[in-house]
Amino acid sequence: MTTTEPVAGGLGPPRLPATPYGQGAEGAPSLADILERVLDKGVVIAGDIRINLLDIELLTIKLRLLVASVDKAKEMGIDWWEHDPSLSSRARTRAVQDDDAERSLTEENARLRAEIAALRARAEDRSVDG
């Protein structure tokens, strides 16, 4: 059957089945199609490198690589870039606020220690006087 012959009981040429991710009729996906598929599904690449000398392990490097879209990564619970101050302005703002809060706590801690020392000194003066 050629593509110009009418389909039995139908009008017009027969339709080819839809190919996923826009693959052409030749079946060879383009680079964009492959990238879209990888980002949509995600790919994990894992490997270990071991360097041994006379059966003595000198070095082991464990490699783990995840390639996925931001939406897919968030769906998997991965969002470290949102909390890294070098990558996110919101994280940078939070880091500054945390620094301010820490500085405030440090100052409050020093003030409270001074008050405790003053109270102890008064208590010792009263015990010496009494």
Protein backbone atom coordinates (compact mmCIF):
# COMPACT_ATOMS: atom_id res chain seq x y z
CA MET A 1 0.00 0.00 0.00
CA THR A 2 1.36 3.45 -0.84
CA THR A 3 0.58 6.65 1.01
CA THR A 4 -1.59 7.95 -1.84
CA GLU A 5 -4.05 5.05 -1.86
CA PRO A 6 -7.27 5.67 0.05
CA VAL A 7 -7.85 3.70 3.20
CA ALA A 8 -10.68 1.18 2.91
CA GLY A 9 -13.84 2.78 4.21
CA GLY A 10 -12.10 6.13 4.82
CA LEU A 11 -11.19 9.26 2.97
CA GLY A 12 -7.72 10.48 2.13
CA PRO A 13 -4.30 8.93 2.53
CA PRO A 14 -3.55 6.58 5.42
CA ARG A 15 -2.03 8.19 8.48
CA LEU A 16 1.27 7.05 9.90
CA PRO A 17 1.34 6.39 13.64
CA ALA A 18 2.51 9.36 15.69
CA THR A 19 6.13 9.10 16.72
CA PRO A 20 7.20 10.09 20.23
CA TYR A 21 9.11 13.35 20.75
CA GLY A 22 8.71 14.43 17.13
CA GLN A 23 10.88 11.76 15.53
CA GLY A 24 10.85 11.92 11.79
CA ALA A 25 9.57 9.15 9.57
CA GLU A 26 13.13 7.92 9.14
CA GLY A 27 13.20 7.05 12.89
CA ALA A 28 16.35 9.02 13.69
CA PRO A 29 15.62 11.52 16.46
CA SER A 30 17.31 14.90 16.39
CA LEU A 31 19.57 16.15 19.16
CA ALA A 32 16.74 18.37 20.43
CA ASP A 33 14.43 15.34 20.66
CA ILE A 34 17.00 13.37 22.62
CA LEU A 35 17.67 16.29 24.97
CA GLU A 36 13.94 16.78 25.56
CA ARG A 37 13.54 13.10 26.38
CA VAL A 38 16.53 13.09 28.75
CA LEU A 39 15.36 16.20 30.59
CA ASP A 40 11.79 14.91 30.77
CA LYS A 41 12.69 11.49 32.19
CA GLY A 42 16.07 12.14 33.79
CA VAL A 43 19.26 10.10 33.47
CA VAL A 44 21.52 8.82 36.22
CA ILE A 45 25.13 7.98 35.44
CA ALA A 46 27.09 6.23 38.17
CA GLY A 47 30.60 4.90 38.30
CA ASP A 48 33.52 4.18 40.57
CA ILE A 49 37.20 4.75 39.90
CA ARG A 50 39.65 2.74 41.99
CA ILE A 51 43.41 3.06 41.92
CA ASN A 52 45.27 0.11 43.42
CA LEU A 53 48.96 -0.60 43.78
CA LEU A 54 49.93 -4.18 44.63
CA ASP A 55 46.40 -4.91 45.88
CA ILE A 56 46.49 -1.85 48.14
CA GLU A 57 43.68 0.57 47.46
CA LEU A 58 45.19 4.05 47.14
CA LEU A 59 42.21 6.01 45.90
CA THR A 60 38.50 5.50 45.30
CA ILE A 61 36.36 8.08 43.55
CA LYS A 62 32.61 7.54 43.41
CA LEU A 63 30.89 9.48 40.66
CA ARG A 64 27.15 10.09 40.55
CA LEU A 65 25.63 12.33 37.88
CA LEU A 66 21.97 13.19 37.49
CA VAL A 67 20.78 14.97 34.36
CA ALA A 68 17.18 16.19 34.55
CA SER A 69 15.07 19.28 34.11
CA VAL A 70 14.52 21.59 37.07
CA ASP A 71 10.89 20.48 37.29
CA LYS A 72 11.85 16.80 37.30
CA ALA A 73 14.55 17.42 39.93
CA LYS A 74 12.07 19.25 42.18
CA GLU A 75 9.62 16.39 41.67
CA MET A 76 12.34 14.04 42.97
CA GLY A 77 12.96 16.31 45.98
CA ILE A 78 16.23 17.80 44.75
CA ASP A 79 16.42 21.58 45.16
CA TRP A 80 19.87 22.35 46.59
CA TRP A 81 20.38 25.28 44.19
CA GLU A 82 17.54 27.16 45.92
CA HIS A 83 19.48 27.11 49.21
CA ASP A 84 22.95 27.92 47.83
CA PRO A 85 23.74 31.64 48.33
CA SER A 86 26.07 31.66 45.33
CA LEU A 87 23.25 30.47 43.02
CA SER A 88 20.10 32.05 44.45
CA SER A 89 19.39 35.64 45.47
CA ARG A 90 16.69 34.38 47.87
CA ALA A 91 19.23 32.12 49.55
CA ARG A 92 21.66 35.05 49.70
CA THR A 93 19.00 37.16 51.43
CA ARG A 94 18.29 34.32 53.87
CA ALA A 95 22.03 33.97 54.57
CA VAL A 96 22.30 37.70 55.38
CA GLN A 97 19.25 37.44 57.64
CA ASP A 98 20.75 34.38 59.32
CA ASP A 99 24.03 36.27 59.86
CA ASP A 100 22.10 39.18 61.39
CA ALA A 101 20.14 36.80 63.61
CA GLU A 102 23.34 35.04 64.68
CA ARG A 103 25.01 38.37 65.46
CA SER A 104 21.92 39.39 67.45
CA LEU A 105 22.00 36.11 69.39
CA THR A 106 25.72 36.52 70.08
CA GLU A 107 25.14 40.03 71.42
CA GLU A 108 22.19 38.87 73.54
CA ASN A 109 24.27 35.97 74.88
CA ALA A 110 27.09 38.36 75.90
CA ARG A 111 24.58 40.72 77.57
CA LEU A 112 22.98 37.86 79.52
CA ARG A 113 26.37 36.55 80.65
CA ALA A 114 27.26 40.03 81.91
CA GLU A 115 23.96 40.22 83.84
CA ILE A 116 24.58 36.79 85.38
CA ALA A 117 28.10 37.82 86.41
CA ALA A 118 26.71 41.02 87.97
CA LEU A 119 24.03 39.08 89.88
CA ARG A 120 26.62 36.60 91.17
CA ALA A 121 28.87 39.48 92.29
CA ARG A 122 25.95 41.07 94.20
CA ALA A 123 25.07 37.74 95.79
CA GLU A 124 28.69 37.29 96.94
CA ASP A 125 28.77 40.88 98.34
CA ARG A 126 25.60 40.20 100.36
CA SER A 127 26.96 36.93 101.72
CA VAL A 128 30.20 38.65 102.78
CA ASP A 129 28.27 41.52 104.44
CA GLY A 130 25.77 39.25 106.18
